[in-house]
Amino acid sequence: MKKTPKLYYSIGEVSKKIGVEAYVLRYWESEFHQLRPRKNSSGRRIYTKDDLKLVRQIYDLLRVKKYTLEGARQALKDGRERPADQKAERDELLRLRLFLENISRQLA
């Protein structure tokens, strides 16, 4: 039986998926205007898949690439760090790697 993907995630679920505490997510909401999860009828934050992608992107900019808050805001604003762009870059690098490995085998 195929599991139906979730439409919404709680702040606790997002916190566990990303690996940051809930207070960090709330702080990022105050720092990044793009991150505005909706609230349900009881006032709890509910994150969509798009929100989750954005949180992962913010995490990558701040924690992995060591951007400052201002630098991360600017990167998101300029669209320099889009996940789709990163996937395309990875795919191109993989294609080039396979090509070079093939040439290396032929020369050996």
PDB file of N, CA and C in Angstrom:
ATOM      1  N   MET A   1       0.842  -1.179   0.000  1.00  0.00           N
ATOM      2  CA  MET A   1       0.000   0.000   0.000  1.00  0.00           C
ATOM      3  C   MET A   1       0.890   1.246   0.000  1.00  0.00           C
ATOM      4  N   LYS A   2       0.610   2.163  -0.898  1.00  0.00           N
ATOM      5  CA  LYS A   2       1.405   3.369  -1.030  1.00  0.00           C
ATOM      6  C   LYS A   2       0.968   4.395   0.015  1.00  0.00           C
ATOM      7  N   LYS A   3       1.944   4.983   0.679  1.00  0.00           N
ATOM      8  CA  LYS A   3       1.652   5.969   1.708  1.00  0.00           C
ATOM      9  C   LYS A   3       1.386   7.327   1.059  1.00  0.00           C
ATOM     10  N   THR A   4       0.304   7.969   1.456  1.00  0.00           N
ATOM     11  CA  THR A   4      -0.042   9.279   0.931  1.00  0.00           C
ATOM     12  C   THR A   4       0.868  10.325   1.565  1.00  0.00           C
ATOM     13  N   PRO A   5       1.504  11.170   0.748  1.00  0.00           N
ATOM     14  CA  PRO A   5       2.378  12.195   1.325  1.00  0.00           C
ATOM     15  C   PRO A   5       1.575  13.205   2.143  1.00  0.00           C
ATOM     16  N   LYS A   6       2.203  13.702   3.190  1.00  0.00           N
ATOM     17  CA  LYS A   6       1.542  14.679   4.048  1.00  0.00           C
ATOM     18  C   LYS A   6       1.450  16.024   3.339  1.00  0.00           C
ATOM     19  N   LEU A   7       0.387  16.734   3.618  1.00  0.00           N
ATOM     20  CA  LEU A   7       0.233  18.074   3.072  1.00  0.00           C
ATOM     21  C   LEU A   7       0.824  19.123   4.003  1.00  0.00           C
ATOM     22  N   TYR A   8       0.736  18.862   5.312  1.00  0.00           N
ATOM     23  CA  TYR A   8       1.190  19.824   6.305  1.00  0.00           C
ATOM     24  C   TYR A   8       2.039  19.141   7.360  1.00  0.00           C
ATOM     25  N   TYR A   9       2.994  19.898   7.893  1.00  0.00           N
ATOM     26  CA  TYR A   9       3.883  19.397   8.930  1.00  0.00           C
ATOM     27  C   TYR A   9       3.855  20.356  10.114  1.00  0.00           C
ATOM     28  N   SER A  10       3.912  19.811  11.312  1.00  0.00           N
ATOM     29  CA  SER A  10       3.971  20.648  12.510  1.00  0.00           C
ATOM     30  C   SER A  10       5.390  21.185  12.669  1.00  0.00           C
ATOM     31  N   ILE A  11       5.552  22.164  13.542  1.00  0.00           N
ATOM     32  CA  ILE A  11       6.883  22.725  13.772  1.00  0.00           C
ATOM     33  C   ILE A  11       7.815  21.665  14.356  1.00  0.00           C
ATOM     34  N   GLY A  12       7.272  20.760  15.165  1.00  0.00           N
ATOM     35  CA  GLY A  12       8.077  19.677  15.724  1.00  0.00           C
ATOM     36  C   GLY A  12       8.575  18.718  14.656  1.00  0.00           C
ATOM     37  N   GLU A  13       7.708  18.392  13.703  1.00  0.00           N
ATOM     38  CA  GLU A  13       8.102  17.498  12.609  1.00  0.00           C
ATOM     39  C   GLU A  13       9.178  18.141  11.737  1.00  0.00           C
ATOM     40  N   VAL A  14       9.000  19.419  11.438  1.00  0.00           N
ATOM     41  CA  VAL A  14       9.986  20.135  10.624  1.00  0.00           C
ATOM     42  C   VAL A  14      11.308  20.220  11.382  1.00  0.00           C
ATOM     43  N   SER A  15      11.214  20.493  12.661  1.00  0.00           N
ATOM     44  CA  SER A  15      12.400  20.573  13.505  1.00  0.00           C
ATOM     45  C   SER A  15      13.208  19.280  13.443  1.00  0.00           C
ATOM     46  N   LYS A  16      12.533  18.147  13.545  1.00  0.00           N
ATOM     47  CA  LYS A  16      13.216  16.848  13.492  1.00  0.00           C
ATOM     48  C   LYS A  16      13.785  16.567  12.106  1.00  0.00           C
ATOM     49  N   LYS A  17      13.013  16.876  11.059  1.00  0.00           N
ATOM     50  CA  LYS A  17      13.467  16.613   9.687  1.00  0.00           C
ATOM     51  C   LYS A  17      14.720  17.417   9.344  1.00  0.00           C
ATOM     52  N   ILE A  18      14.757  18.669   9.770  1.00  0.00           N
ATOM     53  CA  ILE A  18      15.850  19.562   9.407  1.00  0.00           C
ATOM     54  C   ILE A  18      17.027  19.424  10.370  1.00  0.00           C
ATOM     55  N   GLY A  19      16.721  19.156  11.628  1.00  0.00           N
ATOM     56  CA  GLY A  19      17.787  19.019  12.618  1.00  0.00           C
ATOM     57  C   GLY A  19      18.095  20.294  13.372  1.00  0.00           C
ATOM     58  N   VAL A  20      17.082  21.136  13.535  1.00  0.00           N
ATOM     59  CA  VAL A  20      17.233  22.346  14.346  1.00  0.00           C
ATOM     60  C   VAL A  20      16.084  22.392  15.347  1.00  0.00           C
ATOM     61  N   GLU A  21      16.273  23.137  16.416  1.00  0.00           N
ATOM     62  CA  GLU A  21      15.232  23.272  17.428  1.00  0.00           C
ATOM     63  C   GLU A  21      14.092  24.149  16.900  1.00  0.00           C
ATOM     64  N   ALA A  22      12.922  23.991  17.511  1.00  0.00           N
ATOM     65  CA  ALA A  22      11.743  24.754  17.089  1.00  0.00           C
ATOM     66  C   ALA A  22      11.965  26.259  17.239  1.00  0.00           C
ATOM     67  N   TYR A  23      12.682  26.672  18.298  1.00  0.00           N
ATOM     68  CA  TYR A  23      12.906  28.104  18.487  1.00  0.00           C
ATOM     69  C   TYR A  23      13.731  28.693  17.340  1.00  0.00           C
ATOM     70  N   VAL A  24      14.594  27.880  16.729  1.00  0.00           N
ATOM     71  CA  VAL A  24      15.391  28.341  15.586  1.00  0.00           C
ATOM     72  C   VAL A  24      14.473  28.596  14.393  1.00  0.00           C
ATOM     73  N   LEU A  25      13.520  27.702  14.180  1.00  0.00           N
ATOM     74  CA  LEU A  25      12.555  27.902  13.086  1.00  0.00           C
ATOM     75  C   LEU A  25      11.751  29.179  13.305  1.00  0.00           C
ATOM     76  N   ARG A  26      11.322  29.403  14.553  1.00  0.00           N
ATOM     77  CA  ARG A  26      10.564  30.633  14.840  1.00  0.00           C
ATOM     78  C   ARG A  26      11.434  31.869  14.597  1.00  0.00           C
ATOM     79  N   TYR A  27      12.707  31.782  14.961  1.00  0.00           N
ATOM     80  CA  TYR A  27      13.628  32.896  14.722  1.00  0.00           C
ATOM     81  C   TYR A  27      13.796  33.139  13.227  1.00  0.00           C
ATOM     82  N   TRP A  28      13.981  32.062  12.470  1.00  0.00           N
ATOM     83  CA  TRP A  28      14.132  32.214  11.026  1.00  0.00           C
ATOM     84  C   TRP A  28      12.896  32.853  10.409  1.00  0.00           C
ATOM     85  N   GLU A  29      11.716  32.561  10.957  1.00  0.00           N
ATOM     86  CA  GLU A  29      10.491  33.201  10.455  1.00  0.00           C
ATOM     87  C   GLU A  29      10.576  34.714  10.612  1.00  0.00           C
ATOM     88  N   SER A  30      11.202  35.167  11.697  1.00  0.00           N
ATOM     89  CA  SER A  30      11.312  36.610  11.922  1.00  0.00           C
ATOM     90  C   SER A  30      12.391  37.240  11.042  1.00  0.00           C
ATOM     91  N   GLU A  31      13.339  36.443  10.583  1.00  0.00           N
ATOM     92  CA  GLU A  31      14.455  36.960   9.792  1.00  0.00           C
ATOM     93  C   GLU A  31      14.264  36.836   8.280  1.00  0.00           C
ATOM     94  N   PHE A  32      13.469  35.883   7.846  1.00  0.00           N
ATOM     95  CA  PHE A  32      13.266  35.634   6.413  1.00  0.00           C
ATOM     96  C   PHE A  32      11.786  35.813   6.085  1.00  0.00           C
ATOM     97  N   HIS A  33      11.473  36.889   5.385  1.00  0.00           N
ATOM     98  CA  HIS A  33      10.065  37.189   5.100  1.00  0.00           C
ATOM     99  C   HIS A  33       9.411  36.127   4.219  1.00  0.00           C
ATOM    100  N   GLN A  34      10.213  35.363   3.483  1.00  0.00           N
ATOM    101  CA  GLN A  34       9.655  34.315   2.622  1.00  0.00           C
ATOM    102  C   GLN A  34       9.089  33.154   3.441  1.00  0.00           C
ATOM    103  N   LEU A  35       9.580  32.972   4.647  1.00  0.00           N
ATOM    104  CA  LEU A  35       9.160  31.861   5.494  1.00  0.00           C
ATOM    105  C   LEU A  35       7.999  32.315   6.375  1.00  0.00           C
ATOM    106  N   ARG A  36       6.798  32.005   5.936  1.00  0.00           N
ATOM    107  CA  ARG A  36       5.588  32.375   6.666  1.00  0.00           C
ATOM    108  C   ARG A  36       4.629  31.193   6.691  1.00  0.00           C
ATOM    109  N   PRO A  37       4.874  30.222   7.571  1.00  0.00           N
ATOM    110  CA  PRO A  37       3.947  29.087   7.627  1.00  0.00           C
ATOM    111  C   PRO A  37       2.570  29.552   8.085  1.00  0.00           C
ATOM    112  N   ARG A  38       1.559  28.891   7.563  1.00  0.00           N
ATOM    113  CA  ARG A  38       0.196  29.219   7.970  1.00  0.00           C
ATOM    114  C   ARG A  38      -0.035  28.717   9.377  1.00  0.00           C
ATOM    115  N   LYS A  39      -1.124  29.143   9.959  1.00  0.00           N
ATOM    116  CA  LYS A  39      -1.503  28.647  11.286  1.00  0.00           C
ATOM    117  C   LYS A  39      -2.869  28.003  11.173  1.00  0.00           C
ATOM    118  N   ASN A  40      -3.038  26.907  11.895  1.00  0.00           N
ATOM    119  CA  ASN A  40      -4.334  26.227  11.864  1.00  0.00           C
ATOM    120  C   ASN A  40      -5.311  26.933  12.794  1.00  0.00           C
ATOM    121  N   SER A  41      -6.494  26.386  12.935  1.00  0.00           N
ATOM    122  CA  SER A  41      -7.536  27.044  13.727  1.00  0.00           C
ATOM    123  C   SER A  41      -7.158  27.189  15.195  1.00  0.00           C
ATOM    124  N   SER A  42      -6.268  26.348  15.682  1.00  0.00           N
ATOM    125  CA  SER A  42      -5.840  26.468  17.081  1.00  0.00           C
ATOM    126  C   SER A  42      -4.581  27.330  17.222  1.00  0.00           C
ATOM    127  N   GLY A  43      -4.128  27.924  16.123  1.00  0.00           N
ATOM    128  CA  GLY A  43      -2.995  28.839  16.169  1.00  0.00           C
ATOM    129  C   GLY A  43      -1.631  28.189  16.044  1.00  0.00           C
ATOM    130  N   ARG A  44      -1.591  26.894  15.767  1.00  0.00           N
ATOM    131  CA  ARG A  44      -0.307  26.196  15.610  1.00  0.00           C
ATOM    132  C   ARG A  44       0.202  26.350  14.179  1.00  0.00           C
ATOM    133  N   ARG A  45       1.505  26.487  14.054  1.00  0.00           N
ATOM    134  CA  ARG A  45       2.120  26.612  12.733  1.00  0.00           C
ATOM    135  C   ARG A  45       1.963  25.308  11.960  1.00  0.00           C
ATOM    136  N   ILE A  46       1.633  25.448  10.683  1.00  0.00           N
ATOM    137  CA  ILE A  46       1.594  24.286   9.794  1.00  0.00           C
ATOM    138  C   ILE A  46       2.438  24.626   8.561  1.00  0.00           C
ATOM    139  N   TYR A  47       3.421  23.789   8.323  1.00  0.00           N
ATOM    140  CA  TYR A  47       4.362  23.991   7.232  1.00  0.00           C
ATOM    141  C   TYR A  47       3.956  23.136   6.040  1.00  0.00           C
ATOM    142  N   THR A  48       4.003  23.736   4.854  1.00  0.00           N
ATOM    143  CA  THR A  48       3.733  23.007   3.616  1.00  0.00           C
ATOM    144  C   THR A  48       5.048  22.426   3.087  1.00  0.00           C
ATOM    145  N   LYS A  49       4.958  21.649   2.013  1.00  0.00           N
ATOM    146  CA  LYS A  49       6.175  21.116   1.380  1.00  0.00           C
ATOM    147  C   LYS A  49       7.071  22.256   0.889  1.00  0.00           C
ATOM    148  N   ASP A  50       6.458  23.326   0.379  1.00  0.00           N
ATOM    149  CA  ASP A  50       7.249  24.474  -0.070  1.00  0.00           C
ATOM    150  C   ASP A  50       7.966  25.134   1.103  1.00  0.00           C
ATOM    151  N   ASP A  51       7.270  25.247   2.245  1.00  0.00           N
ATOM    152  CA  ASP A  51       7.909  25.791   3.445  1.00  0.00           C
ATOM    153  C   ASP A  51       9.087  24.920   3.857  1.00  0.00           C
ATOM    154  N   LEU A  52       8.890  23.612   3.785  1.00  0.00           N
ATOM    155  CA  LEU A  52       9.943  22.662   4.152  1.00  0.00           C
ATOM    156  C   LEU A  52      11.163  22.818   3.239  1.00  0.00           C
ATOM    157  N   LYS A  53      10.929  22.995   1.943  1.00  0.00           N
ATOM    158  CA  LYS A  53      12.035  23.216   0.997  1.00  0.00           C
ATOM    159  C   LYS A  53      12.789  24.500   1.342  1.00  0.00           C
ATOM    160  N   LEU A  54      12.035  25.548   1.675  1.00  0.00           N
ATOM    161  CA  LEU A  54      12.656  26.823   2.021  1.00  0.00           C
ATOM    162  C   LEU A  54      13.474  26.697   3.307  1.00  0.00           C
ATOM    163  N   VAL A  55      12.951  25.987   4.293  1.00  0.00           N
ATOM    164  CA  VAL A  55      13.686  25.788   5.543  1.00  0.00           C
ATOM    165  C   VAL A  55      14.978  25.027   5.268  1.00  0.00           C
ATOM    166  N   ARG A  56      14.916  24.011   4.427  1.00  0.00           N
ATOM    167  CA  ARG A  56      16.133  23.261   4.071  1.00  0.00           C
ATOM    168  C   ARG A  56      17.149  24.171   3.380  1.00  0.00           C
ATOM    169  N   GLN A  57      16.640  25.044   2.533  1.00  0.00           N
ATOM    170  CA  GLN A  57      17.507  25.976   1.817  1.00  0.00           C
ATOM    171  C   GLN A  57      18.164  26.954   2.797  1.00  0.00           C
ATOM    172  N   ILE A  58      17.384  27.482   3.733  1.00  0.00           N
ATOM    173  CA  ILE A  58      17.922  28.396   4.742  1.00  0.00           C
ATOM    174  C   ILE A  58      18.965  27.669   5.592  1.00  0.00           C
ATOM    175  N   TYR A  59      18.650  26.442   5.986  1.00  0.00           N
ATOM    176  CA  TYR A  59      19.595  25.640   6.768  1.00  0.00           C
ATOM    177  C   TYR A  59      20.909  25.474   6.003  1.00  0.00           C
ATOM    178  N   ASP A  60      20.807  25.144   4.731  1.00  0.00           N
ATOM    179  CA  ASP A  60      22.000  24.940   3.909  1.00  0.00           C
ATOM    180  C   ASP A  60      22.833  26.217   3.828  1.00  0.00           C
ATOM    181  N   LEU A  61      22.174  27.342   3.621  1.00  0.00           N
ATOM    182  CA  LEU A  61      22.897  28.607   3.513  1.00  0.00           C
ATOM    183  C   LEU A  61      23.581  28.978   4.824  1.00  0.00           C
ATOM    184  N   LEU A  62      22.853  28.846   5.938  1.00  0.00           N
ATOM    185  CA  LEU A  62      23.384  29.293   7.222  1.00  0.00           C
ATOM    186  C   LEU A  62      24.334  28.295   7.870  1.00  0.00           C
ATOM    187  N   ARG A  63      23.957  27.036   7.875  1.00  0.00           N
ATOM    188  CA  ARG A  63      24.720  26.046   8.642  1.00  0.00           C
ATOM    189  C   ARG A  63      25.777  25.319   7.820  1.00  0.00           C
ATOM    190  N   VAL A  64      25.508  25.082   6.546  1.00  0.00           N
ATOM    191  CA  VAL A  64      26.459  24.332   5.718  1.00  0.00           C
ATOM    192  C   VAL A  64      27.419  25.290   5.007  1.00  0.00           C
ATOM    193  N   LYS A  65      26.853  26.284   4.330  1.00  0.00           N
ATOM    194  CA  LYS A  65      27.690  27.205   3.558  1.00  0.00           C
ATOM    195  C   LYS A  65      28.186  28.383   4.386  1.00  0.00           C
ATOM    196  N   LYS A  66      27.719  28.477   5.633  1.00  0.00           N
ATOM    197  CA  LYS A  66      28.186  29.484   6.599  1.00  0.00           C
ATOM    198  C   LYS A  66      27.927  30.924   6.159  1.00  0.00           C
ATOM    199  N   TYR A  67      26.791  31.159   5.482  1.00  0.00           N
ATOM    200  CA  TYR A  67      26.408  32.521   5.138  1.00  0.00           C
ATOM    201  C   TYR A  67      26.006  33.250   6.416  1.00  0.00           C
ATOM    202  N   THR A  68      26.135  34.566   6.400  1.00  0.00           N
ATOM    203  CA  THR A  68      25.554  35.376   7.462  1.00  0.00           C
ATOM    204  C   THR A  68      24.052  35.463   7.199  1.00  0.00           C
ATOM    205  N   LEU A  69      23.301  35.961   8.180  1.00  0.00           N
ATOM    206  CA  LEU A  69      21.860  36.136   7.955  1.00  0.00           C
ATOM    207  C   LEU A  69      21.618  37.049   6.761  1.00  0.00           C
ATOM    208  N   GLU A  70      22.360  38.149   6.715  1.00  0.00           N
ATOM    209  CA  GLU A  70      22.189  39.094   5.608  1.00  0.00           C
ATOM    210  C   GLU A  70      22.569  38.449   4.280  1.00  0.00           C
ATOM    211  N   GLY A  71      23.645  37.694   4.270  1.00  0.00           N
ATOM    212  CA  GLY A  71      24.068  37.011   3.053  1.00  0.00           C
ATOM    213  C   GLY A  71      23.044  35.994   2.585  1.00  0.00           C
ATOM    214  N   ALA A  72      22.466  35.260   3.533  1.00  0.00           N
ATOM    215  CA  ALA A  72      21.438  34.268   3.191  1.00  0.00           C
ATOM    216  C   ALA A  72      20.186  34.960   2.661  1.00  0.00           C
ATOM    217  N   ARG A  73      19.800  36.065   3.309  1.00  0.00           N
ATOM    218  CA  ARG A  73      18.631  36.825   2.822  1.00  0.00           C
ATOM    219  C   ARG A  73      18.869  37.288   1.389  1.00  0.00           C
ATOM    220  N   GLN A  74      20.076  37.807   1.134  1.00  0.00           N
ATOM    221  CA  GLN A  74      20.406  38.308  -0.200  1.00  0.00           C
ATOM    222  C   GLN A  74      20.418  37.172  -1.220  1.00  0.00           C
ATOM    223  N   ALA A  75      20.969  36.024  -0.842  1.00  0.00           N
ATOM    224  CA  ALA A  75      21.014  34.876  -1.756  1.00  0.00           C
ATOM    225  C   ALA A  75      19.606  34.419  -2.111  1.00  0.00           C
ATOM    226  N   LEU A  76      18.715  34.383  -1.122  1.00  0.00           N
ATOM    227  CA  LEU A  76      17.327  33.997  -1.396  1.00  0.00           C
ATOM    228  C   LEU A  76      16.640  35.041  -2.267  1.00  0.00           C
ATOM    229  N   LYS A  77      16.901  36.307  -1.980  1.00  0.00           N
ATOM    230  CA  LYS A  77      16.288  37.394  -2.746  1.00  0.00           C
ATOM    231  C   LYS A  77      16.748  37.359  -4.203  1.00  0.00           C
ATOM    232  N   ASP A  78      18.049  37.148  -4.401  1.00  0.00           N
ATOM    233  CA  ASP A  78      18.610  37.132  -5.753  1.00  0.00           C
ATOM    234  C   ASP A  78      18.298  35.842  -6.490  1.00  0.00           C
ATOM    235  N   GLY A  79      17.872  34.827  -5.740  1.00  0.00           N
ATOM    236  CA  GLY A  79      17.588  33.546  -6.364  1.00  0.00           C
ATOM    237  C   GLY A  79      18.837  32.774  -6.724  1.00  0.00           C
ATOM    238  N   ARG A  80      19.956  33.112  -6.083  1.00  0.00           N
ATOM    239  CA  ARG A  80      21.222  32.440  -6.400  1.00  0.00           C
ATOM    240  C   ARG A  80      21.254  31.007  -5.916  1.00  0.00           C
ATOM    241  N   GLU A  81      20.502  30.696  -4.899  1.00  0.00           N
ATOM    242  CA  GLU A  81      20.597  29.379  -4.267  1.00  0.00           C
ATOM    243  C   GLU A  81      19.265  28.640  -4.334  1.00  0.00           C
ATOM    244  N   ARG A  82      18.814  28.375  -5.503  1.00  0.00           N
ATOM    245  CA  ARG A  82      17.561  27.638  -5.659  1.00  0.00           C
ATOM    246  C   ARG A  82      17.844  26.150  -5.702  1.00  0.00           C
ATOM    247  N   PRO A  83      17.053  25.351  -4.988  1.00  0.00           N
ATOM    248  CA  PRO A  83      17.281  23.907  -4.998  1.00  0.00           C
ATOM    249  C   PRO A  83      17.257  23.306  -6.401  1.00  0.00           C
ATOM    250  N   ALA A  84      16.379  23.786  -7.263  1.00  0.00           N
ATOM    251  CA  ALA A  84      16.305  23.251  -8.625  1.00  0.00           C
ATOM    252  C   ALA A  84      17.614  23.517  -9.366  1.00  0.00           C
ATOM    253  N   ASP A  85      18.177  24.713  -9.151  1.00  0.00           N
ATOM    254  CA  ASP A  85      19.453  25.045  -9.775  1.00  0.00           C
ATOM    255  C   ASP A  85      20.553  24.129  -9.251  1.00  0.00           C
ATOM    256  N   GLN A  86      20.528  23.847  -7.965  1.00  0.00           N
ATOM    257  CA  GLN A  86      21.529  22.972  -7.369  1.00  0.00           C
ATOM    258  C   GLN A  86      21.413  21.568  -7.948  1.00  0.00           C
ATOM    259  N   LYS A  87      20.193  21.099  -8.154  1.00  0.00           N
ATOM    260  CA  LYS A  87      20.007  19.761  -8.721  1.00  0.00           C
ATOM    261  C   LYS A  87      20.552  19.724 -10.144  1.00  0.00           C
ATOM    262  N   ALA A  88      20.270  20.749 -10.922  1.00  0.00           N
ATOM    263  CA  ALA A  88      20.775  20.801 -12.293  1.00  0.00           C
ATOM    264  C   ALA A  88      22.304  20.813 -12.303  1.00  0.00           C
ATOM    265  N   GLU A  89      22.897  21.555 -11.381  1.00  0.00           N
ATOM    266  CA  GLU A  89      24.354  21.590 -11.294  1.00  0.00           C
ATOM    267  C   GLU A  89      24.911  20.220 -10.923  1.00  0.00           C
ATOM    268  N   ARG A  90      24.279  19.556  -9.958  1.00  0.00           N
ATOM    269  CA  ARG A  90      24.720  18.215  -9.553  1.00  0.00           C
ATOM    270  C   ARG A  90      24.629  17.240 -10.716  1.00  0.00           C
ATOM    271  N   ASP A  91      23.513  17.313 -11.445  1.00  0.00           N
ATOM    272  CA  ASP A  91      23.327  16.419 -12.591  1.00  0.00           C
ATOM    273  C   ASP A  91      24.404  16.649 -13.648  1.00  0.00           C
ATOM    274  N   GLU A  92      24.719  17.902 -13.910  1.00  0.00           N
ATOM    275  CA  GLU A  92      25.750  18.229 -14.892  1.00  0.00           C
ATOM    276  C   GLU A  92      27.119  17.741 -14.427  1.00  0.00           C
ATOM    277  N   LEU A  93      27.424  17.933 -13.150  1.00  0.00           N
ATOM    278  CA  LEU A  93      28.705  17.457 -12.620  1.00  0.00           C
ATOM    279  C   LEU A  93      28.802  15.934 -12.680  1.00  0.00           C
ATOM    280  N   LEU A  94      27.712  15.263 -12.389  1.00  0.00           N
ATOM    281  CA  LEU A  94      27.703  13.801 -12.465  1.00  0.00           C
ATOM    282  C   LEU A  94      27.934  13.340 -13.903  1.00  0.00           C
ATOM    283  N   ARG A  95      27.276  14.008 -14.850  1.00  0.00           N
ATOM    284  CA  ARG A  95      27.451  13.669 -16.256  1.00  0.00           C
ATOM    285  C   ARG A  95      28.908  13.859 -16.677  1.00  0.00           C
ATOM    286  N   LEU A  96      29.511  14.966 -16.273  1.00  0.00           N
ATOM    287  CA  LEU A  96      30.913  15.223 -16.609  1.00  0.00           C
ATOM    288  C   LEU A  96      31.843  14.198 -15.953  1.00  0.00           C
ATOM    289  N   ARG A  97      31.549  13.846 -14.718  1.00  0.00           N
ATOM    290  CA  ARG A  97      32.370  12.852 -14.021  1.00  0.00           C
ATOM    291  C   ARG A  97      32.343  11.514 -14.755  1.00  0.00           C
ATOM    292  N   LEU A  98      31.152  11.079 -15.136  1.00  0.00           N
ATOM    293  CA  LEU A  98      31.029   9.815 -15.859  1.00  0.00           C
ATOM    294  C   LEU A  98      31.767   9.872 -17.192  1.00  0.00           C
ATOM    295  N   PHE A  99      31.667  11.005 -17.863  1.00  0.00           N
ATOM    296  CA  PHE A  99      32.367  11.199 -19.128  1.00  0.00           C
ATOM    297  C   PHE A  99      33.883  11.078 -18.936  1.00  0.00           C
ATOM    298  N   LEU A 100      34.402  11.747 -17.899  1.00  0.00           N
ATOM    299  CA  LEU A 100      35.840  11.702 -17.636  1.00  0.00           C
ATOM    300  C   LEU A 100      36.300  10.313 -17.205  1.00  0.00           C
ATOM    301  N   GLU A 101      35.486   9.626 -16.427  1.00  0.00           N
ATOM    302  CA  GLU A 101      35.832   8.260 -16.032  1.00  0.00           C
ATOM    303  C   GLU A 101      35.893   7.343 -17.250  1.00  0.00           C
ATOM    304  N   ASN A 102      34.980   7.551 -18.176  1.00  0.00           N
ATOM    305  CA  ASN A 102      34.963   6.762 -19.407  1.00  0.00           C
ATOM    306  C   ASN A 102      36.236   7.008 -20.224  1.00  0.00           C
ATOM    307  N   ILE A 103      36.626   8.256 -20.353  1.00  0.00           N
ATOM    308  CA  ILE A 103      37.856   8.593 -21.075  1.00  0.00           C
ATOM    309  C   ILE A 103      39.059   7.980 -20.371  1.00  0.00           C
ATOM    310  N   SER A 104      39.085   8.059 -19.060  1.00  0.00           N
ATOM    311  CA  SER A 104      40.191   7.500 -18.281  1.00  0.00           C
ATOM    312  C   SER A 104      40.322   5.995 -18.504  1.00  0.00           C
ATOM    313  N   ARG A 105      39.198   5.291 -18.536  1.00  0.00           N
ATOM    314  CA  ARG A 105      39.213   3.842 -18.788  1.00  0.00           C
ATOM    315  C   ARG A 105      39.725   3.533 -20.192  1.00  0.00           C
ATOM    316  N   GLN A 106      39.340   4.363 -21.155  1.00  0.00           N
ATOM    317  CA  GLN A 106      39.776   4.136 -22.530  1.00  0.00           C
ATOM    318  C   GLN A 106      41.274   4.368 -22.691  1.00  0.00           C
ATOM    319  N   LEU A 107      41.819   5.301 -21.944  1.00  0.00           N
ATOM    320  CA  LEU A 107      43.247   5.601 -22.034  1.00  0.00           C
ATOM    321  C   LEU A 107      44.102   4.595 -21.269  1.00  0.00           C
ATOM    322  N   ALA A 108      43.509   3.911 -20.322  1.00  0.00           N
ATOM    323  CA  ALA A 108      44.287   2.965 -19.488  1.00  0.00           C
ATOM    324  C   ALA A 108      44.602   1.680 -20.208  1.00  0.00           C
TER     325      ALA A 108
END
